[in-house]
Amino acid sequence: MSSWWNKTSASNFTRGLTSITGQLSSNLKDILTEASEENYDPTAELTRARQQIEDLDLRKQALMEEVLM
């Protein structure tokens, strides 16, 4: 009788945990980096936000055109 938990399952589980750990580590690093920035520039934040909105609008438009084709 073969077990449902074999070396392949354990290996996949370990890889999954490693991936999640890496993602959490990366996200935490980004959060801490943003939090430690001492020079808050509202104008730069607004510019960055507007650029992100513009980028998202362009992506949305491209997806809409793709769906309509």
N, C-alpha and C. Protein backbone atom coordinates (compact mmCIF):
# COMPACT_ATOMS: atom_id res chain seq x y z
N MET A 1 0.84 -1.17 0.00
CA MET A 1 0.00 0.00 0.00
C MET A 1 0.89 1.25 0.00
N SER A 2 0.65 2.12 -0.95
CA SER A 2 1.50 3.30 -1.03
C SER A 2 0.89 4.44 -0.23
N SER A 3 1.73 5.18 0.38
CA SER A 3 1.29 6.30 1.21
C SER A 3 1.03 7.52 0.34
N TRP A 4 0.05 8.31 0.72
CA TRP A 4 -0.24 9.52 -0.05
C TRP A 4 0.85 10.57 0.21
N TRP A 5 1.58 10.39 1.29
CA TRP A 5 2.66 11.32 1.61
C TRP A 5 3.98 10.65 1.30
N ASN A 6 4.55 10.97 0.17
CA ASN A 6 5.81 10.35 -0.23
C ASN A 6 6.88 11.43 -0.38
N LYS A 7 8.03 11.04 -0.88
CA LYS A 7 9.13 12.01 -1.03
C LYS A 7 8.76 13.15 -1.96
N THR A 8 8.02 12.85 -3.02
CA THR A 8 7.62 13.89 -3.96
C THR A 8 6.70 14.89 -3.28
N SER A 9 5.75 14.40 -2.50
CA SER A 9 4.84 15.29 -1.77
C SER A 9 5.61 16.17 -0.80
N ALA A 10 6.54 15.56 -0.08
CA ALA A 10 7.34 16.32 0.88
C ALA A 10 8.18 17.37 0.17
N SER A 11 8.74 17.01 -0.96
CA SER A 11 9.56 17.95 -1.72
C SER A 11 8.72 19.12 -2.23
N ASN A 12 7.54 18.82 -2.76
CA ASN A 12 6.65 19.88 -3.25
C ASN A 12 6.21 20.79 -2.10
N PHE A 13 5.92 20.18 -0.95
CA PHE A 13 5.51 20.94 0.23
C PHE A 13 6.63 21.87 0.66
N THR A 14 7.85 21.36 0.69
CA THR A 14 9.01 22.16 1.09
C THR A 14 9.23 23.31 0.12
N ARG A 15 9.11 23.03 -1.19
CA ARG A 15 9.26 24.10 -2.18
C ARG A 15 8.19 25.16 -2.02
N GLY A 16 6.97 24.72 -1.72
CA GLY A 16 5.88 25.67 -1.51
C GLY A 16 6.14 26.57 -0.32
N LEU A 17 6.60 25.97 0.78
CA LEU A 17 6.92 26.75 1.97
C LEU A 17 8.07 27.72 1.71
N THR A 18 9.06 27.27 0.98
CA THR A 18 10.19 28.12 0.64
C THR A 18 9.74 29.31 -0.20
N SER A 19 8.85 29.05 -1.14
CA SER A 19 8.33 30.12 -1.99
C SER A 19 7.54 31.13 -1.18
N ILE A 20 6.68 30.65 -0.30
CA ILE A 20 5.88 31.54 0.54
C ILE A 20 6.79 32.35 1.46
N THR A 21 7.78 31.70 2.04
CA THR A 21 8.72 32.38 2.92
C THR A 21 9.45 33.48 2.16
N GLY A 22 9.86 33.20 0.94
CA GLY A 22 10.55 34.20 0.12
C GLY A 22 9.65 35.38 -0.19
N GLN A 23 8.39 35.10 -0.53
CA GLN A 23 7.46 36.18 -0.83
C GLN A 23 7.21 37.05 0.40
N LEU A 24 7.01 36.41 1.55
CA LEU A 24 6.80 37.16 2.78
C LEU A 24 8.02 38.01 3.12
N SER A 25 9.19 37.44 2.94
CA SER A 25 10.42 38.16 3.23
C SER A 25 10.55 39.38 2.33
N SER A 26 10.26 39.19 1.06
CA SER A 26 10.35 40.29 0.10
C SER A 26 9.34 41.39 0.44
N ASN A 27 8.11 40.99 0.75
CA ASN A 27 7.09 41.97 1.10
C ASN A 27 7.46 42.73 2.37
N LEU A 28 7.96 42.01 3.37
CA LEU A 28 8.36 42.65 4.61
C LEU A 28 9.50 43.63 4.37
N LYS A 29 10.45 43.25 3.54
CA LYS A 29 11.56 44.14 3.22
C LYS A 29 11.05 45.42 2.57
N ASP A 30 10.12 45.27 1.62
CA ASP A 30 9.54 46.45 0.96
C ASP A 30 8.82 47.35 1.95
N ILE A 31 8.05 46.75 2.85
CA ILE A 31 7.30 47.53 3.84
C ILE A 31 8.26 48.29 4.76
N LEU A 32 9.28 47.58 5.22
CA LEU A 32 10.23 48.23 6.12
C LEU A 32 11.03 49.32 5.41
N THR A 33 11.33 49.11 4.15
CA THR A 33 12.05 50.13 3.39
C THR A 33 11.20 51.38 3.24
N GLU A 34 9.93 51.20 2.90
CA GLU A 34 9.03 52.34 2.76
C GLU A 34 8.86 53.06 4.09
N ALA A 35 8.75 52.30 5.17
CA ALA A 35 8.53 52.89 6.49
C ALA A 35 9.75 53.66 6.97
N SER A 36 10.93 53.24 6.53
CA SER A 36 12.14 53.88 7.02
C SER A 36 12.55 55.11 6.21
N GLU A 37 11.85 55.38 5.11
CA GLU A 37 12.17 56.56 4.33
C GLU A 37 11.82 57.81 5.14
N GLU A 38 12.80 58.63 5.39
CA GLU A 38 12.59 59.78 6.25
C GLU A 38 12.06 61.00 5.49
N ASN A 39 12.36 61.11 4.23
CA ASN A 39 11.96 62.27 3.45
C ASN A 39 10.65 61.97 2.73
N TYR A 40 9.56 62.41 3.33
CA TYR A 40 8.26 62.22 2.71
C TYR A 40 8.00 63.41 1.80
N ASP A 41 7.77 63.12 0.54
CA ASP A 41 7.53 64.18 -0.44
C ASP A 41 6.14 63.98 -1.04
N PRO A 42 5.15 64.74 -0.57
CA PRO A 42 3.79 64.56 -1.06
C PRO A 42 3.66 64.76 -2.57
N THR A 43 4.43 65.67 -3.12
CA THR A 43 4.38 65.92 -4.57
C THR A 43 4.85 64.69 -5.33
N ALA A 44 5.93 64.09 -4.87
CA ALA A 44 6.45 62.88 -5.52
C ALA A 44 5.45 61.73 -5.38
N GLU A 45 4.81 61.62 -4.21
CA GLU A 45 3.81 60.58 -4.00
C GLU A 45 2.64 60.75 -4.96
N LEU A 46 2.19 61.99 -5.13
CA LEU A 46 1.09 62.28 -6.03
C LEU A 46 1.47 61.96 -7.47
N THR A 47 2.67 62.33 -7.86
CA THR A 47 3.16 62.03 -9.21
C THR A 47 3.22 60.52 -9.43
N ARG A 48 3.73 59.81 -8.44
CA ARG A 48 3.83 58.35 -8.54
C ARG A 48 2.43 57.71 -8.63
N ALA A 49 1.49 58.22 -7.83
CA ALA A 49 0.13 57.70 -7.86
C ALA A 49 -0.54 57.97 -9.21
N ARG A 50 -0.32 59.15 -9.74
CA ARG A 50 -0.90 59.47 -11.06
C ARG A 50 -0.31 58.59 -12.16
N GLN A 51 0.98 58.30 -12.07
CA GLN A 51 1.62 57.43 -13.05
C GLN A 51 1.05 56.01 -12.95
N GLN A 52 0.84 55.54 -11.74
CA GLN A 52 0.27 54.21 -11.55
C GLN A 52 -1.15 54.15 -12.12
N ILE A 53 -1.93 55.20 -11.90
CA ILE A 53 -3.28 55.25 -12.44
C ILE A 53 -3.24 55.25 -13.96
N GLU A 54 -2.35 56.02 -14.53
CA GLU A 54 -2.21 56.06 -15.99
C GLU A 54 -1.81 54.69 -16.55
N ASP A 55 -0.86 54.05 -15.88
CA ASP A 55 -0.43 52.71 -16.31
C ASP A 55 -1.59 51.71 -16.25
N LEU A 56 -2.36 51.77 -15.16
CA LEU A 56 -3.50 50.86 -15.02
C LEU A 56 -4.57 51.15 -16.07
N ASP A 57 -4.79 52.42 -16.37
CA ASP A 57 -5.77 52.77 -17.42
C ASP A 57 -5.33 52.22 -18.77
N LEU A 58 -4.03 52.32 -19.07
CA LEU A 58 -3.52 51.79 -20.34
C LEU A 58 -3.67 50.27 -20.39
N ARG A 59 -3.38 49.60 -19.29
CA ARG A 59 -3.54 48.14 -19.24
C ARG A 59 -5.00 47.74 -19.41
N LYS A 60 -5.89 48.49 -18.75
CA LYS A 60 -7.31 48.22 -18.86
C LYS A 60 -7.78 48.39 -20.30
N GLN A 61 -7.34 49.46 -20.93
CA GLN A 61 -7.73 49.73 -22.31
C GLN A 61 -7.22 48.61 -23.23
N ALA A 62 -5.99 48.17 -23.03
CA ALA A 62 -5.43 47.10 -23.85
C ALA A 62 -6.22 45.81 -23.66
N LEU A 63 -6.60 45.51 -22.42
CA LEU A 63 -7.38 44.30 -22.16
C LEU A 63 -8.77 44.39 -22.77
N MET A 64 -9.37 45.57 -22.70
CA MET A 64 -10.70 45.76 -23.30
C MET A 64 -10.64 45.56 -24.81
N GLU A 65 -9.59 46.10 -25.44
CA GLU A 65 -9.43 45.94 -26.88
C GLU A 65 -9.21 44.47 -27.23
N GLU A 66 -8.46 43.77 -26.39
CA GLU A 66 -8.20 42.35 -26.62
C GLU A 66 -9.48 41.53 -26.52
N VAL A 67 -10.33 41.87 -25.59
CA VAL A 67 -11.59 41.16 -25.40
C VAL A 67 -12.53 41.43 -26.58
N LEU A 68 -12.52 42.64 -27.09
CA LEU A 68 -13.42 42.99 -28.18
C LEU A 68 -12.98 42.43 -29.52
N MET A 69 -11.74 41.98 -29.63
CA MET A 69 -11.26 41.44 -30.91
C MET A 69 -11.79 40.07 -31.16
